[in-house]
């Protein structure tokens, strides 16, 4: 598993409660839900870095 970088995130109580309810509904931890939402937003915006294997496959296809 890749290394993870811990950091402090300050949330308003209402936002925290809403995220916790959403995480509970989807059977995720609060941390897992926040990670999922951030990755989804990055992917949709085209800003999620490609996985190492995916980047290599893309380079190999463009070389042909």
C-alpha atoms as a PDB file:
ATOM      1  CA  UNK A   1       0.000   0.000   0.000  1.00  0.00           C
ATOM      2  CA  UNK A   2       1.220   3.487  -0.785  1.00  0.00           C
ATOM      3  CA  UNK A   3       2.379   5.748   2.008  1.00  0.00           C
ATOM      4  CA  UNK A   4      -0.226   8.157   3.290  1.00  0.00           C
ATOM      5  CA  UNK A   5       0.469  11.648   4.544  1.00  0.00           C
ATOM      6  CA  UNK A   6      -1.473  12.614   7.671  1.00  0.00           C
ATOM      7  CA  UNK A   7      -2.703  16.167   8.102  1.00  0.00           C
ATOM      8  CA  UNK A   8      -5.120  18.093  10.282  1.00  0.00           C
ATOM      9  CA  UNK A   9      -8.449  19.104   8.760  1.00  0.00           C
ATOM     10  CA  UNK A  10     -10.675  21.563  10.586  1.00  0.00           C
ATOM     11  CA  UNK A  11     -14.388  21.310   9.815  1.00  0.00           C
ATOM     12  CA  UNK A  12     -17.436  23.130  11.035  1.00  0.00           C
ATOM     13  CA  UNK A  13     -19.511  20.841  13.262  1.00  0.00           C
ATOM     14  CA  UNK A  14     -22.421  20.742  10.796  1.00  0.00           C
ATOM     15  CA  UNK A  15     -20.130  19.740   7.912  1.00  0.00           C
ATOM     16  CA  UNK A  16     -18.501  17.082  10.094  1.00  0.00           C
ATOM     17  CA  UNK A  17     -21.883  15.643  11.085  1.00  0.00           C
ATOM     18  CA  UNK A  18     -23.139  15.617   7.486  1.00  0.00           C
ATOM     19  CA  UNK A  19     -19.972  13.868   6.276  1.00  0.00           C
ATOM     20  CA  UNK A  20     -20.200  11.331   9.101  1.00  0.00           C
ATOM     21  CA  UNK A  21     -23.824  10.507   8.224  1.00  0.00           C
ATOM     22  CA  UNK A  22     -22.868  10.143   4.531  1.00  0.00           C
ATOM     23  CA  UNK A  23     -19.939   7.885   5.442  1.00  0.00           C
ATOM     24  CA  UNK A  24     -22.201   5.774   7.650  1.00  0.00           C
ATOM     25  CA  UNK A  25     -24.736   5.434   4.815  1.00  0.00           C
ATOM     26  CA  UNK A  26     -22.008   4.177   2.458  1.00  0.00           C
ATOM     27  CA  UNK A  27     -20.347   1.933   5.081  1.00  0.00           C
ATOM     28  CA  UNK A  28     -17.098   3.917   5.058  1.00  0.00           C
ATOM     29  CA  UNK A  29     -15.062   5.527   7.793  1.00  0.00           C
ATOM     30  CA  UNK A  30     -15.157   9.316   7.892  1.00  0.00           C
ATOM     31  CA  UNK A  31     -11.546   9.386   6.693  1.00  0.00           C
ATOM     32  CA  UNK A  32     -12.381   6.963   3.884  1.00  0.00           C
ATOM     33  CA  UNK A  33     -15.358   9.070   2.815  1.00  0.00           C
ATOM     34  CA  UNK A  34     -13.308  12.276   2.694  1.00  0.00           C
ATOM     35  CA  UNK A  35     -10.566  10.476   0.722  1.00  0.00           C
ATOM     36  CA  UNK A  36     -13.178   9.092  -1.699  1.00  0.00           C
ATOM     37  CA  UNK A  37     -14.781  12.504  -2.228  1.00  0.00           C
ATOM     38  CA  UNK A  38     -11.451  14.240  -2.787  1.00  0.00           C
ATOM     39  CA  UNK A  39     -10.262  11.592  -5.273  1.00  0.00           C
ATOM     40  CA  UNK A  40     -13.587  11.750  -7.132  1.00  0.00           C
ATOM     41  CA  UNK A  41     -13.422  15.557  -7.354  1.00  0.00           C
ATOM     42  CA  UNK A  42      -9.803  15.404  -8.574  1.00  0.00           C
ATOM     43  CA  UNK A  43     -10.674  12.758 -11.174  1.00  0.00           C
ATOM     44  CA  UNK A  44     -13.634  14.778 -12.468  1.00  0.00           C
ATOM     45  CA  UNK A  45     -11.476  17.896 -12.726  1.00  0.00           C
ATOM     46  CA  UNK A  46      -8.749  16.000 -14.581  1.00  0.00           C
ATOM     47  CA  UNK A  47      -6.261  16.688 -11.822  1.00  0.00           C
ATOM     48  CA  UNK A  48      -5.749  13.220 -10.359  1.00  0.00           C
ATOM     49  CA  UNK A  49      -2.210  12.031 -11.092  1.00  0.00           C
ATOM     50  CA  UNK A  50      -2.143   8.848 -13.160  1.00  0.00           C
ATOM     51  CA  UNK A  51      -1.052   5.663 -11.444  1.00  0.00           C
ATOM     52  CA  UNK A  52       2.511   4.612 -12.256  1.00  0.00           C
ATOM     53  CA  UNK A  53       1.354   1.586 -14.261  1.00  0.00           C
ATOM     54  CA  UNK A  54      -1.232   3.618 -16.189  1.00  0.00           C
ATOM     55  CA  UNK A  55       1.323   6.281 -17.083  1.00  0.00           C
ATOM     56  CA  UNK A  56       3.714   3.627 -18.389  1.00  0.00           C
ATOM     57  CA  UNK A  57       0.969   2.011 -20.532  1.00  0.00           C
ATOM     58  CA  UNK A  58       0.021   5.414 -21.966  1.00  0.00           C
ATOM     59  CA  UNK A  59       3.661   6.100 -22.935  1.00  0.00           C
ATOM     60  CA  UNK A  60       3.972   2.653 -24.525  1.00  0.00           C
ATOM     61  CA  UNK A  61       0.828   3.218 -26.639  1.00  0.00           C
ATOM     62  CA  UNK A  62       2.027   6.622 -27.831  1.00  0.00           C
ATOM     63  CA  UNK A  63       5.413   5.165 -28.844  1.00  0.00           C
ATOM     64  CA  UNK A  64       3.796   2.764 -31.330  1.00  0.00           C
END
